[in-house]
């Protein structure tokens, strides 16, 4: 499958799910690798969609059931025959490290609107994995997002300091997100 096709397929599925949840007044925000795939134009490929929500398993199951998904052995993880994607519903609150997320982006697509972390929030999501777990792939993913989207670097670096990032980590992040300013 071509990179653009994978992004379109994931975007269509994310929009379908997001719209179905919104119709039932369920707030669920796409985060993690699926947001990275959308914002990186498919440089990074995810096989799962993580929608963070406070909704109950029953509420989620009802909506996803109408879309042909079935719960796996984990009650907050769903699969559907004919798609390679898994859909997971991590429990709220939605947080980027220690920062609670109260507002997010509504990405309008040809397939519908996706409730999703903003590009800046998605960068923070990836950087949390880098800072707390030394996930260098997550650092590269943050760079791919920043390369393609306007992100708030002042907010990101302020957040990094609040997260307790070391000076070494801040320098590494600066080299990836703002290479012209790092030299």
N, C-alpha and C. Protein backbone atom coordinates (compact mmCIF):
# COMPACT_ATOMS: atom_id res chain seq x y z
N UNK A 1 0.84 -1.17 0.00
CA UNK A 1 0.00 0.00 0.00
C UNK A 1 0.89 1.24 0.00
N UNK A 2 0.56 2.20 -0.85
CA UNK A 2 1.31 3.44 -0.92
C UNK A 2 1.07 4.27 0.34
N UNK A 3 2.07 5.12 0.66
CA UNK A 3 1.99 5.94 1.86
C UNK A 3 0.71 6.79 1.89
N UNK A 4 0.40 7.47 0.80
CA UNK A 4 -0.80 8.31 0.75
C UNK A 4 -2.07 7.51 0.94
N UNK A 5 -2.11 6.30 0.39
CA UNK A 5 -3.29 5.44 0.54
C UNK A 5 -3.48 5.05 2.01
N UNK A 6 -2.36 4.75 2.69
CA UNK A 6 -2.44 4.37 4.10
C UNK A 6 -2.95 5.53 4.95
N UNK A 7 -2.48 6.75 4.64
CA UNK A 7 -2.96 7.93 5.38
C UNK A 7 -4.44 8.13 5.13
N UNK A 8 -4.87 8.01 3.87
CA UNK A 8 -6.29 8.18 3.55
C UNK A 8 -7.15 7.13 4.24
N UNK A 9 -6.70 5.89 4.24
CA UNK A 9 -7.47 4.82 4.88
C UNK A 9 -7.61 5.07 6.38
N UNK A 10 -6.50 5.41 7.02
CA UNK A 10 -6.53 5.69 8.45
C UNK A 10 -7.38 6.93 8.74
N UNK A 11 -7.23 7.98 7.93
CA UNK A 11 -8.00 9.21 8.12
C UNK A 11 -9.50 8.94 7.97
N UNK A 12 -9.86 8.16 6.97
CA UNK A 12 -11.27 7.83 6.76
C UNK A 12 -11.83 7.06 7.95
N UNK A 13 -11.09 6.09 8.44
CA UNK A 13 -11.55 5.31 9.59
C UNK A 13 -11.64 6.20 10.83
N UNK A 14 -10.64 7.03 11.05
CA UNK A 14 -10.66 7.93 12.22
C UNK A 14 -11.84 8.88 12.16
N UNK A 15 -12.12 9.43 10.99
CA UNK A 15 -13.25 10.35 10.84
C UNK A 15 -14.58 9.63 11.05
N UNK A 16 -14.70 8.43 10.52
CA UNK A 16 -15.93 7.65 10.68
C UNK A 16 -16.20 7.39 12.16
N UNK A 17 -15.16 6.98 12.88
CA UNK A 17 -15.32 6.68 14.30
C UNK A 17 -15.58 7.96 15.09
N UNK A 18 -14.81 9.00 14.82
CA UNK A 18 -14.95 10.26 15.54
C UNK A 18 -16.36 10.84 15.35
N UNK A 19 -16.84 10.81 14.13
CA UNK A 19 -18.19 11.33 13.85
C UNK A 19 -19.26 10.49 14.55
N UNK A 20 -19.11 9.17 14.53
CA UNK A 20 -20.09 8.28 15.18
C UNK A 20 -20.12 8.52 16.68
N UNK A 21 -18.97 8.70 17.29
CA UNK A 21 -18.91 8.98 18.72
C UNK A 21 -19.52 10.34 19.03
N UNK A 22 -19.22 11.34 18.22
CA UNK A 22 -19.74 12.70 18.44
C UNK A 22 -21.27 12.72 18.34
N UNK A 23 -21.83 11.93 17.42
CA UNK A 23 -23.29 11.87 17.30
C UNK A 23 -23.94 11.39 18.60
N UNK A 24 -23.21 10.58 19.35
CA UNK A 24 -23.72 10.07 20.63
C UNK A 24 -23.23 10.92 21.80
N UNK A 25 -22.66 12.09 21.47
CA UNK A 25 -22.15 13.04 22.47
C UNK A 25 -21.05 12.43 23.33
N UNK A 26 -20.23 11.59 22.71
CA UNK A 26 -19.07 11.01 23.38
C UNK A 26 -17.84 11.78 22.92
N UNK A 27 -17.15 12.40 23.89
CA UNK A 27 -15.89 13.07 23.57
C UNK A 27 -14.79 12.02 23.55
N UNK A 28 -14.09 11.95 22.45
CA UNK A 28 -12.98 11.02 22.31
C UNK A 28 -11.97 11.67 21.38
N UNK A 29 -10.73 11.77 21.83
CA UNK A 29 -9.70 12.51 21.10
C UNK A 29 -8.64 11.55 20.57
N UNK A 30 -8.42 11.60 19.26
CA UNK A 30 -7.40 10.77 18.63
C UNK A 30 -6.02 11.28 19.04
N UNK A 31 -5.18 10.36 19.47
CA UNK A 31 -3.83 10.72 19.91
C UNK A 31 -2.87 9.63 19.46
N UNK A 32 -1.65 9.69 19.95
CA UNK A 32 -0.68 8.63 19.69
C UNK A 32 -0.25 8.51 18.25
N UNK A 33 0.06 7.28 17.85
CA UNK A 33 0.63 7.02 16.54
C UNK A 33 -0.27 7.37 15.37
N UNK A 34 -1.58 7.23 15.53
CA UNK A 34 -2.48 7.57 14.43
C UNK A 34 -2.43 9.06 14.14
N UNK A 35 -2.36 9.88 15.19
CA UNK A 35 -2.23 11.33 14.98
C UNK A 35 -0.90 11.63 14.28
N UNK A 36 0.14 10.92 14.68
CA UNK A 36 1.45 11.11 14.03
C UNK A 36 1.36 10.73 12.55
N UNK A 37 0.71 9.62 12.24
CA UNK A 37 0.59 9.21 10.84
C UNK A 37 -0.12 10.28 10.02
N UNK A 38 -1.19 10.82 10.55
CA UNK A 38 -1.92 11.87 9.83
C UNK A 38 -1.05 13.10 9.66
N UNK A 39 -0.42 13.56 10.74
CA UNK A 39 0.36 14.80 10.69
C UNK A 39 1.70 14.66 9.98
N UNK A 40 2.22 13.43 9.87
CA UNK A 40 3.50 13.24 9.18
C UNK A 40 3.30 12.82 7.73
N UNK A 41 2.06 12.86 7.27
CA UNK A 41 1.74 12.44 5.89
C UNK A 41 2.21 11.02 5.61
N UNK A 42 2.12 10.17 6.64
CA UNK A 42 2.41 8.76 6.45
C UNK A 42 3.87 8.36 6.56
N UNK A 43 4.75 9.28 6.95
CA UNK A 43 6.16 8.90 7.18
C UNK A 43 6.21 7.84 8.28
N UNK A 44 5.38 8.03 9.30
CA UNK A 44 5.24 7.05 10.36
C UNK A 44 3.91 6.34 10.13
N UNK A 45 3.89 5.02 10.26
CA UNK A 45 2.67 4.25 10.03
C UNK A 45 2.25 3.58 11.34
N UNK A 46 0.99 3.75 11.67
CA UNK A 46 0.42 3.16 12.87
C UNK A 46 -0.63 2.13 12.47
N UNK A 47 -0.77 1.11 13.25
CA UNK A 47 -1.81 0.11 13.00
C UNK A 47 -2.89 0.15 14.07
N UNK A 48 -2.86 1.21 14.90
CA UNK A 48 -3.93 1.34 15.87
C UNK A 48 -4.33 2.80 16.00
N UNK A 49 -5.56 3.01 16.37
CA UNK A 49 -6.11 4.34 16.59
C UNK A 49 -6.46 4.43 18.07
N UNK A 50 -5.84 5.38 18.76
CA UNK A 50 -6.09 5.58 20.19
C UNK A 50 -6.97 6.80 20.38
N UNK A 51 -8.20 6.57 20.85
CA UNK A 51 -9.13 7.64 21.17
C UNK A 51 -9.26 7.71 22.69
N UNK A 52 -8.74 8.76 23.30
CA UNK A 52 -8.83 8.91 24.75
C UNK A 52 -10.21 9.44 25.09
N UNK A 53 -10.87 8.76 26.03
CA UNK A 53 -12.25 9.12 26.38
C UNK A 53 -12.58 8.72 27.81
N UNK A 54 -13.56 9.43 28.37
CA UNK A 54 -14.10 9.06 29.68
C UNK A 54 -15.34 8.19 29.54
N UNK A 55 -15.76 7.91 28.32
CA UNK A 55 -16.96 7.11 28.09
C UNK A 55 -16.79 5.70 28.64
N UNK A 56 -17.91 5.10 28.98
CA UNK A 56 -17.89 3.74 29.53
C UNK A 56 -17.66 2.71 28.42
N UNK A 57 -17.26 1.53 28.82
CA UNK A 57 -17.09 0.43 27.86
C UNK A 57 -18.39 0.16 27.12
N UNK A 58 -19.51 0.24 27.84
CA UNK A 58 -20.81 -0.01 27.21
C UNK A 58 -21.11 1.02 26.13
N UNK A 59 -20.89 2.30 26.44
CA UNK A 59 -21.15 3.37 25.46
C UNK A 59 -20.27 3.18 24.23
N UNK A 60 -19.00 2.92 24.45
CA UNK A 60 -18.07 2.73 23.34
C UNK A 60 -18.48 1.51 22.51
N UNK A 61 -18.76 0.41 23.21
CA UNK A 61 -19.12 -0.83 22.52
C UNK A 61 -20.35 -0.69 21.66
N UNK A 62 -21.33 0.06 22.13
CA UNK A 62 -22.56 0.27 21.35
C UNK A 62 -22.26 0.99 20.04
N UNK A 63 -21.50 2.08 20.13
CA UNK A 63 -21.17 2.86 18.93
C UNK A 63 -20.29 2.05 17.98
N UNK A 64 -19.26 1.42 18.52
CA UNK A 64 -18.34 0.66 17.65
C UNK A 64 -19.03 -0.56 17.06
N UNK A 65 -19.95 -1.15 17.80
CA UNK A 65 -20.71 -2.29 17.28
C UNK A 65 -21.50 -1.92 16.03
N UNK A 66 -22.07 -0.72 16.04
CA UNK A 66 -22.82 -0.25 14.86
C UNK A 66 -21.91 -0.09 13.64
N UNK A 67 -20.63 0.10 13.89
CA UNK A 67 -19.66 0.26 12.79
C UNK A 67 -19.02 -1.07 12.40
N UNK A 68 -19.48 -2.16 13.02
CA UNK A 68 -18.97 -3.48 12.68
C UNK A 68 -17.76 -3.93 13.48
N UNK A 69 -17.42 -3.21 14.53
CA UNK A 69 -16.28 -3.58 15.37
C UNK A 69 -16.74 -4.46 16.52
N UNK A 70 -15.84 -5.33 16.94
CA UNK A 70 -16.08 -6.19 18.10
C UNK A 70 -14.97 -5.99 19.10
N UNK A 71 -15.33 -6.08 20.38
CA UNK A 71 -14.33 -5.98 21.43
C UNK A 71 -13.43 -7.21 21.39
N UNK A 72 -12.16 -7.01 21.66
CA UNK A 72 -11.23 -8.13 21.78
C UNK A 72 -11.29 -8.60 23.24
N UNK A 73 -10.33 -9.39 23.63
CA UNK A 73 -10.30 -9.85 25.03
C UNK A 73 -10.11 -8.67 25.97
N UNK A 74 -9.50 -7.60 25.49
CA UNK A 74 -9.42 -6.36 26.26
C UNK A 74 -10.66 -5.54 25.91
N UNK A 75 -11.44 -5.18 26.88
CA UNK A 75 -12.74 -4.55 26.62
C UNK A 75 -12.65 -3.16 25.99
N UNK A 76 -11.51 -2.53 25.98
CA UNK A 76 -11.39 -1.20 25.38
C UNK A 76 -10.58 -1.24 24.09
N UNK A 77 -10.43 -2.42 23.52
CA UNK A 77 -9.71 -2.61 22.26
C UNK A 77 -10.66 -3.31 21.28
N UNK A 78 -10.80 -2.73 20.10
CA UNK A 78 -11.77 -3.23 19.12
C UNK A 78 -11.11 -3.55 17.79
N UNK A 79 -11.68 -4.54 17.12
CA UNK A 79 -11.20 -4.91 15.78
C UNK A 79 -12.41 -5.14 14.88
N UNK A 80 -12.15 -5.03 13.59
CA UNK A 80 -13.21 -5.25 12.60
C UNK A 80 -12.63 -6.05 11.46
N UNK A 81 -13.36 -7.05 11.04
CA UNK A 81 -12.93 -7.85 9.91
C UNK A 81 -12.81 -6.94 8.69
N UNK A 82 -11.74 -7.15 7.94
CA UNK A 82 -11.54 -6.37 6.72
C UNK A 82 -10.67 -5.14 6.91
N UNK A 83 -10.29 -4.85 8.14
CA UNK A 83 -9.36 -3.74 8.38
C UNK A 83 -8.21 -4.24 9.24
N UNK A 84 -7.04 -3.72 8.95
CA UNK A 84 -5.86 -4.14 9.72
C UNK A 84 -5.67 -3.28 10.97
N UNK A 85 -6.51 -2.27 11.14
CA UNK A 85 -6.36 -1.36 12.27
C UNK A 85 -7.10 -1.86 13.50
N UNK A 86 -6.49 -1.65 14.65
CA UNK A 86 -7.14 -1.86 15.93
C UNK A 86 -7.54 -0.49 16.47
N UNK A 87 -8.64 -0.43 17.19
CA UNK A 87 -9.10 0.83 17.77
C UNK A 87 -9.10 0.65 19.28
N UNK A 88 -8.37 1.53 19.96
CA UNK A 88 -8.23 1.43 21.41
C UNK A 88 -8.77 2.70 22.06
N UNK A 89 -9.30 2.54 23.26
CA UNK A 89 -9.89 3.66 23.99
C UNK A 89 -9.23 3.79 25.36
N UNK A 90 -8.02 4.38 25.41
CA UNK A 90 -7.42 4.63 26.72
C UNK A 90 -8.35 5.54 27.54
N UNK A 91 -8.35 5.31 28.83
CA UNK A 91 -9.22 6.09 29.71
C UNK A 91 -8.71 7.51 29.91
N UNK A 92 -9.66 8.42 30.03
CA UNK A 92 -9.34 9.81 30.36
C UNK A 92 -8.78 9.84 31.78
N UNK A 93 -8.06 10.88 32.14
CA UNK A 93 -7.93 12.15 31.44
C UNK A 93 -6.86 12.08 30.35
N UNK A 94 -7.06 12.92 29.36
CA UNK A 94 -6.08 13.08 28.29
C UNK A 94 -5.00 14.02 28.81
N UNK A 95 -3.77 13.54 28.81
CA UNK A 95 -2.66 14.35 29.33
C UNK A 95 -1.43 14.17 28.45
N UNK A 96 -0.65 15.23 28.41
CA UNK A 96 0.64 15.22 27.72
C UNK A 96 1.69 15.35 28.82
N UNK A 97 2.20 14.21 29.27
CA UNK A 97 3.02 14.24 30.47
C UNK A 97 2.13 14.64 31.63
N UNK A 98 2.51 15.72 32.32
CA UNK A 98 1.71 16.20 33.45
C UNK A 98 0.64 17.22 33.06
N UNK A 99 0.64 17.64 31.81
CA UNK A 99 -0.28 18.68 31.35
C UNK A 99 -1.61 18.08 30.88
N UNK A 100 -2.69 18.44 31.57
CA UNK A 100 -4.01 17.98 31.16
C UNK A 100 -4.45 18.72 29.90
N UNK A 101 -5.08 17.99 28.99
CA UNK A 101 -5.56 18.57 27.74
C UNK A 101 -7.05 18.84 27.89
N UNK A 102 -7.41 20.11 27.74
CA UNK A 102 -8.82 20.49 27.87
C UNK A 102 -9.42 20.93 26.54
N UNK A 103 -8.56 21.29 25.60
CA UNK A 103 -9.00 21.68 24.26
C UNK A 103 -8.10 20.96 23.26
N UNK A 104 -8.65 20.67 22.10
CA UNK A 104 -7.90 19.96 21.07
C UNK A 104 -8.37 20.45 19.71
N UNK A 105 -7.83 19.87 18.69
CA UNK A 105 -8.08 20.28 17.31
C UNK A 105 -9.26 19.51 16.73
N UNK A 106 -10.01 20.17 15.88
CA UNK A 106 -11.03 19.49 15.09
C UNK A 106 -10.54 19.52 13.66
N UNK A 107 -10.07 18.40 13.19
CA UNK A 107 -9.51 18.29 11.85
C UNK A 107 -10.62 17.93 10.87
N UNK A 108 -10.92 18.86 9.99
CA UNK A 108 -11.95 18.61 8.99
C UNK A 108 -11.31 17.92 7.79
N UNK A 109 -11.88 16.80 7.41
CA UNK A 109 -11.36 16.02 6.29
C UNK A 109 -12.48 15.77 5.29
N UNK A 110 -12.13 15.20 4.17
CA UNK A 110 -13.14 14.83 3.17
C UNK A 110 -14.10 13.77 3.71
N UNK A 111 -13.69 13.09 4.78
CA UNK A 111 -14.48 11.99 5.33
C UNK A 111 -15.29 12.39 6.56
N UNK A 112 -15.05 13.59 7.08
CA UNK A 112 -15.71 14.04 8.30
C UNK A 112 -14.69 14.70 9.22
N UNK A 113 -15.16 15.09 10.39
CA UNK A 113 -14.31 15.80 11.35
C UNK A 113 -13.73 14.81 12.36
N UNK A 114 -12.44 14.96 12.62
CA UNK A 114 -11.75 14.13 13.61
C UNK A 114 -11.41 15.00 14.81
N UNK A 115 -11.81 14.55 16.00
CA UNK A 115 -11.36 15.17 17.24
C UNK A 115 -9.95 14.61 17.48
N UNK A 116 -8.95 15.47 17.44
CA UNK A 116 -7.56 15.01 17.42
C UNK A 116 -6.68 16.02 18.16
N UNK A 117 -5.60 15.54 18.73
CA UNK A 117 -4.61 16.46 19.28
C UNK A 117 -4.17 17.42 18.18
N UNK A 118 -3.86 18.65 18.53
CA UNK A 118 -3.32 19.59 17.55
C UNK A 118 -1.90 19.15 17.20
N UNK A 119 -1.32 19.68 16.13
CA UNK A 119 0.08 19.34 15.83
C UNK A 119 1.01 19.64 17.01
N UNK A 120 0.85 20.79 17.67
CA UNK A 120 1.70 21.11 18.82
C UNK A 120 1.51 20.08 19.93
N UNK A 121 0.26 19.72 20.22
CA UNK A 121 -0.01 18.72 21.25
C UNK A 121 0.55 17.36 20.86
N UNK A 122 0.46 17.02 19.60
CA UNK A 122 0.99 15.74 19.13
C UNK A 122 2.51 15.70 19.28
N UNK A 123 3.16 16.82 19.02
CA UNK A 123 4.61 16.90 19.24
C UNK A 123 4.91 16.66 20.72
N UNK A 124 4.16 17.30 21.61
CA UNK A 124 4.37 17.10 23.05
C UNK A 124 4.13 15.64 23.44
N UNK A 125 3.10 15.03 22.87
CA UNK A 125 2.80 13.62 23.13
C UNK A 125 4.01 12.74 22.80
N UNK A 126 4.61 13.00 21.65
CA UNK A 126 5.79 12.24 21.24
C UNK A 126 6.99 12.56 22.12
N UNK A 127 7.15 13.83 22.45
CA UNK A 127 8.30 14.22 23.28
C UNK A 127 8.18 13.68 24.70
N UNK A 128 6.97 13.49 25.19
CA UNK A 128 6.80 12.86 26.51
C UNK A 128 7.41 11.46 26.49
N UNK A 129 7.19 10.73 25.41
CA UNK A 129 7.78 9.39 25.29
C UNK A 129 9.29 9.47 25.21
N UNK A 130 9.80 10.48 24.52
CA UNK A 130 11.25 10.65 24.41
C UNK A 130 11.86 11.00 25.78
N UNK A 131 11.30 11.99 26.44
CA UNK A 131 11.86 12.47 27.70
C UNK A 131 11.75 11.43 28.81
N UNK A 132 10.61 10.77 28.91
CA UNK A 132 10.37 9.86 30.04
C UNK A 132 10.85 8.43 29.79
N UNK A 133 10.91 8.00 28.52
CA UNK A 133 11.27 6.61 28.23
C UNK A 133 12.42 6.47 27.24
N UNK A 134 13.05 7.60 26.89
CA UNK A 134 14.20 7.58 25.95
C UNK A 134 13.81 6.97 24.60
N UNK A 135 12.62 7.25 24.15
CA UNK A 135 12.10 6.72 22.89
C UNK A 135 12.56 7.64 21.75
N UNK A 136 13.66 7.26 21.10
CA UNK A 136 14.23 8.09 20.04
C UNK A 136 13.36 8.11 18.79
N UNK A 137 12.60 7.05 18.54
CA UNK A 137 11.66 7.06 17.42
C UNK A 137 10.61 8.14 17.65
N UNK A 138 10.16 8.30 18.87
CA UNK A 138 9.17 9.33 19.19
C UNK A 138 9.75 10.73 18.94
N UNK A 139 11.03 10.92 19.23
CA UNK A 139 11.68 12.21 18.94
C UNK A 139 11.68 12.47 17.44
N UNK A 140 11.99 11.46 16.65
CA UNK A 140 11.97 11.63 15.19
C UNK A 140 10.55 11.92 14.70
N UNK A 141 9.56 11.27 15.29
CA UNK A 141 8.17 11.52 14.91
C UNK A 141 7.78 12.97 15.20
N UNK A 142 8.21 13.49 16.35
CA UNK A 142 7.95 14.89 16.68
C UNK A 142 8.54 15.80 15.61
N UNK A 143 9.74 15.46 15.16
CA UNK A 143 10.39 16.25 14.11
C UNK A 143 9.63 16.20 12.80
N UNK A 144 9.09 15.06 12.44
CA UNK A 144 8.32 14.93 11.19
C UNK A 144 7.06 15.79 11.24
N UNK A 145 6.42 15.85 12.40
CA UNK A 145 5.23 16.69 12.54
C UNK A 145 5.62 18.16 12.41
N UNK A 146 6.68 18.57 13.13
CA UNK A 146 7.11 19.97 13.11
C UNK A 146 7.59 20.40 11.73
N UNK A 147 8.10 19.48 10.96
CA UNK A 147 8.55 19.77 9.60
C UNK A 147 7.38 20.14 8.70
N UNK A 148 6.21 19.56 8.96
CA UNK A 148 5.06 19.71 8.08
C UNK A 148 3.98 20.67 8.59
N UNK A 149 4.06 21.04 9.87
CA UNK A 149 3.00 21.87 10.46
C UNK A 149 3.62 22.96 11.33
N UNK A 150 2.93 24.08 11.39
CA UNK A 150 3.35 25.15 12.30
C UNK A 150 3.06 24.67 13.73
N UNK A 151 4.08 24.63 14.54
CA UNK A 151 3.92 24.25 15.94
C UNK A 151 4.44 25.38 16.81
N UNK A 152 3.93 25.47 18.01
CA UNK A 152 4.29 26.53 18.94
C UNK A 152 5.54 26.12 19.72
N UNK A 153 6.70 26.53 19.21
CA UNK A 153 7.96 26.13 19.83
C UNK A 153 8.13 26.70 21.23
N UNK A 154 7.66 27.93 21.46
CA UNK A 154 7.76 28.52 22.80
C UNK A 154 6.99 27.66 23.79
N UNK A 155 5.77 27.29 23.43
CA UNK A 155 4.95 26.43 24.29
C UNK A 155 5.63 25.08 24.51
N UNK A 156 6.16 24.50 23.45
CA UNK A 156 6.79 23.18 23.55
C UNK A 156 8.00 23.22 24.49
N UNK A 157 8.86 24.23 24.34
CA UNK A 157 10.06 24.27 25.19
C UNK A 157 9.73 24.63 26.63
N UNK A 158 8.71 25.44 26.84
CA UNK A 158 8.23 25.74 28.19
C UNK A 158 7.69 24.46 28.83
N UNK A 159 6.92 23.70 28.05
CA UNK A 159 6.37 22.43 28.52
C UNK A 159 7.49 21.44 28.87
N UNK A 160 8.52 21.37 28.01
CA UNK A 160 9.64 20.47 28.27
C UNK A 160 10.28 20.77 29.62
N UNK A 161 10.50 22.05 29.90
CA UNK A 161 11.10 22.43 31.19
C UNK A 161 10.19 22.03 32.35
N UNK A 162 8.89 22.26 32.20
CA UNK A 162 7.93 21.88 33.24
C UNK A 162 7.90 20.36 33.46
N UNK A 163 8.19 19.61 32.40
CA UNK A 163 8.23 18.14 32.50
C UNK A 163 9.52 17.65 33.15
N UNK A 164 10.46 18.56 33.37
CA UNK A 164 11.72 18.17 33.98
C UNK A 164 12.74 17.63 33.01
N UNK A 165 12.60 17.99 31.73
CA UNK A 165 13.56 17.53 30.72
C UNK A 165 14.95 18.05 31.06
N UNK A 166 15.94 17.23 30.86
CA UNK A 166 17.33 17.64 31.11
C UNK A 166 17.77 18.63 30.03
N UNK A 167 18.83 19.35 30.32
CA UNK A 167 19.37 20.29 29.32
C UNK A 167 19.79 19.53 28.07
N UNK A 168 20.34 18.34 28.26
CA UNK A 168 20.74 17.51 27.12
C UNK A 168 19.54 17.16 26.24
N UNK A 169 18.42 16.81 26.88
CA UNK A 169 17.20 16.50 26.12
C UNK A 169 16.69 17.73 25.39
N UNK A 170 16.72 18.88 26.04
CA UNK A 170 16.24 20.11 25.41
C UNK A 170 17.09 20.45 24.20
N UNK A 171 18.40 20.27 24.30
CA UNK A 171 19.29 20.52 23.15
C UNK A 171 18.96 19.54 22.02
N UNK A 172 18.75 18.27 22.35
CA UNK A 172 18.42 17.27 21.32
C UNK A 172 17.10 17.62 20.64
N UNK A 173 16.11 18.03 21.41
CA UNK A 173 14.81 18.40 20.85
C UNK A 173 14.97 19.63 19.96
N UNK A 174 15.74 20.61 20.42
CA UNK A 174 15.95 21.83 19.62
C UNK A 174 16.58 21.47 18.27
N UNK A 175 17.52 20.55 18.26
CA UNK A 175 18.17 20.14 17.00
C UNK A 175 17.17 19.53 16.03
N UNK A 176 16.17 18.85 16.56
CA UNK A 176 15.17 18.20 15.72
C UNK A 176 14.06 19.16 15.30
N UNK A 177 13.57 19.95 16.24
CA UNK A 177 12.41 20.82 15.95
C UNK A 177 12.80 22.17 15.35
N UNK A 178 13.96 22.68 15.74
CA UNK A 178 14.38 24.01 15.27
C UNK A 178 15.86 23.99 14.94
N UNK A 179 16.25 23.22 13.92
CA UNK A 179 17.68 23.05 13.63
C UNK A 179 18.41 24.36 13.35
N UNK A 180 17.73 25.34 12.77
CA UNK A 180 18.39 26.62 12.48
C UNK A 180 18.73 27.36 13.76
N UNK A 181 17.91 27.20 14.79
CA UNK A 181 18.14 27.88 16.07
C UNK A 181 19.13 27.12 16.94
N UNK A 182 19.39 25.86 16.62
CA UNK A 182 20.25 25.02 17.46
C UNK A 182 21.73 25.28 17.21
N UNK A 183 22.06 25.88 16.08
CA UNK A 183 23.48 26.06 15.78
C UNK A 183 24.04 27.33 16.34
